[in-house]
Amino acid sequence: MNYPKINNVQAIGERTLKVEFDNQQIKKYDVTPLLKRKMFQPLKNPVLFKSVKVEQGGYAISWGKEIDISEYELWCNGEPAT
């Protein structure tokens, strides 16, 4: 199955992302559960968390070269924004 690509991402609050997809849907994604994993622990730093960017092609979001989250994860586990 093809999942929608990411058009835009914005950090809202200290642990939540607002993700806009190319199908015009917007979802909120809470990274808190990921912080248990060593790879994601740097995201506890609010300055780093707010530096999130969309990867070229819209297949993921990232914080530098070390941390990323796929469009699949964001689409399947994000909550519809109201």
C-alpha atoms as a PDB file:
ATOM      1  CA  MET A   1       0.000   0.000   0.000  1.00  0.00           C
ATOM      2  CA  ASN A   2       1.182   3.504  -0.777  1.00  0.00           C
ATOM      3  CA  TYR A   3       1.066   5.972   2.079  1.00  0.00           C
ATOM      4  CA  PRO A   4       0.689   9.719   1.611  1.00  0.00           C
ATOM      5  CA  LYS A   5       3.906  11.684   1.522  1.00  0.00           C
ATOM      6  CA  ILE A   6       4.734  14.439   3.986  1.00  0.00           C
ATOM      7  CA  ASN A   7       4.403  18.025   2.782  1.00  0.00           C
ATOM      8  CA  ASN A   8       5.172  19.854   6.017  1.00  0.00           C
ATOM      9  CA  VAL A   9       5.999  19.230   9.668  1.00  0.00           C
ATOM     10  CA  GLN A  10       5.956  21.505  12.684  1.00  0.00           C
ATOM     11  CA  ALA A  11       6.884  20.896  16.298  1.00  0.00           C
ATOM     12  CA  ILE A  12       4.049  21.945  18.593  1.00  0.00           C
ATOM     13  CA  GLY A  13       4.722  21.743  22.284  1.00  0.00           C
ATOM     14  CA  GLU A  14       7.677  19.766  23.594  1.00  0.00           C
ATOM     15  CA  ARG A  15       6.744  16.302  22.318  1.00  0.00           C
ATOM     16  CA  THR A  16       4.126  16.674  19.572  1.00  0.00           C
ATOM     17  CA  LEU A  17       4.454  17.073  15.815  1.00  0.00           C
ATOM     18  CA  LYS A  18       1.864  18.453  13.434  1.00  0.00           C
ATOM     19  CA  VAL A  19       2.301  16.626  10.127  1.00  0.00           C
ATOM     20  CA  GLU A  20       0.655  17.727   6.872  1.00  0.00           C
ATOM     21  CA  PHE A  21       0.367  15.065   4.170  1.00  0.00           C
ATOM     22  CA  ASP A  22      -0.012  15.410   0.396  1.00  0.00           C
ATOM     23  CA  ASN A  23      -3.613  14.162   0.592  1.00  0.00           C
ATOM     24  CA  GLN A  24      -4.544  17.330   2.549  1.00  0.00           C
ATOM     25  CA  GLN A  25      -4.860  15.459   5.871  1.00  0.00           C
ATOM     26  CA  ILE A  26      -3.170  16.702   9.028  1.00  0.00           C
ATOM     27  CA  LYS A  27      -2.165  14.453  11.920  1.00  0.00           C
ATOM     28  CA  LYS A  28      -0.607  15.012  15.322  1.00  0.00           C
ATOM     29  CA  TYR A  29       2.121  12.619  16.394  1.00  0.00           C
ATOM     30  CA  ASP A  30       3.361  12.311  19.973  1.00  0.00           C
ATOM     31  CA  VAL A  31       7.027  11.216  20.118  1.00  0.00           C
ATOM     32  CA  THR A  32       6.918  10.425  23.862  1.00  0.00           C
ATOM     33  CA  PRO A  33       6.805   6.597  23.415  1.00  0.00           C
ATOM     34  CA  LEU A  34       9.883   6.769  21.149  1.00  0.00           C
ATOM     35  CA  LEU A  35      11.950   8.517  23.822  1.00  0.00           C
ATOM     36  CA  LYS A  36      12.459   5.153  25.563  1.00  0.00           C
ATOM     37  CA  ARG A  37      14.715   4.145  22.673  1.00  0.00           C
ATOM     38  CA  LYS A  38      18.303   5.391  22.758  1.00  0.00           C
ATOM     39  CA  MET A  39      18.180   6.692  19.177  1.00  0.00           C
ATOM     40  CA  PHE A  40      15.375   9.131  20.024  1.00  0.00           C
ATOM     41  CA  GLN A  41      16.571  10.358  23.445  1.00  0.00           C
ATOM     42  CA  PRO A  42      18.236  13.501  22.018  1.00  0.00           C
ATOM     43  CA  LEU A  43      14.705  14.706  21.137  1.00  0.00           C
ATOM     44  CA  LYS A  44      14.228  15.503  24.830  1.00  0.00           C
ATOM     45  CA  ASN A  45      16.184  18.672  24.008  1.00  0.00           C
ATOM     46  CA  PRO A  46      13.494  21.226  23.001  1.00  0.00           C
ATOM     47  CA  VAL A  47      15.829  23.120  20.649  1.00  0.00           C
ATOM     48  CA  LEU A  48      16.678  19.953  18.731  1.00  0.00           C
ATOM     49  CA  PHE A  49      13.040  18.805  18.708  1.00  0.00           C
ATOM     50  CA  LYS A  50      11.916  22.073  17.098  1.00  0.00           C
ATOM     51  CA  SER A  51      14.529  21.704  14.319  1.00  0.00           C
ATOM     52  CA  VAL A  52      12.552  18.912  12.603  1.00  0.00           C
ATOM     53  CA  LYS A  53      12.585  18.928   8.777  1.00  0.00           C
ATOM     54  CA  VAL A  54      10.852  16.983   5.987  1.00  0.00           C
ATOM     55  CA  GLU A  55      13.218  14.711   4.073  1.00  0.00           C
ATOM     56  CA  GLN A  56      13.435  15.153   0.307  1.00  0.00           C
ATOM     57  CA  GLY A  57      10.580  13.294  -1.384  1.00  0.00           C
ATOM     58  CA  GLY A  58       8.372  13.405   1.723  1.00  0.00           C
ATOM     59  CA  TYR A  59       9.207   9.854   2.827  1.00  0.00           C
ATOM     60  CA  ALA A  60      10.307  10.836   6.340  1.00  0.00           C
ATOM     61  CA  ILE A  61      11.027  13.628   8.769  1.00  0.00           C
ATOM     62  CA  SER A  62      14.401  14.025  10.390  1.00  0.00           C
ATOM     63  CA  TRP A  63      16.584  15.761  12.890  1.00  0.00           C
ATOM     64  CA  GLY A  64      19.983  15.790  11.230  1.00  0.00           C
ATOM     65  CA  LYS A  65      21.442  12.545   9.889  1.00  0.00           C
ATOM     66  CA  GLU A  66      20.933  10.432  12.993  1.00  0.00           C
ATOM     67  CA  ILE A  67      17.194  10.564  13.807  1.00  0.00           C
ATOM     68  CA  ASP A  68      14.247  10.061  11.481  1.00  0.00           C
ATOM     69  CA  ILE A  69      10.648   8.854  11.423  1.00  0.00           C
ATOM     70  CA  SER A  70       9.014   7.417   8.293  1.00  0.00           C
ATOM     71  CA  GLU A  71       5.822   8.617   6.639  1.00  0.00           C
ATOM     72  CA  TYR A  72       4.376   5.146   7.369  1.00  0.00           C
ATOM     73  CA  GLU A  73       4.861   5.543  11.137  1.00  0.00           C
ATOM     74  CA  LEU A  74       3.490   9.096  11.159  1.00  0.00           C
ATOM     75  CA  TRP A  75       0.477   8.187   9.008  1.00  0.00           C
ATOM     76  CA  CYS A  76      -0.456   4.958  10.788  1.00  0.00           C
ATOM     77  CA  ASN A  77       0.143   6.114  14.371  1.00  0.00           C
ATOM     78  CA  GLY A  78      -0.652   9.802  14.172  1.00  0.00           C
ATOM     79  CA  GLU A  79      -3.962  11.120  15.497  1.00  0.00           C
ATOM     80  CA  PRO A  80      -6.195  13.191  13.202  1.00  0.00           C
ATOM     81  CA  ALA A  81      -5.761  16.874  14.046  1.00  0.00           C
ATOM     82  CA  THR A  82      -8.908  18.720  14.991  1.00  0.00           C
END
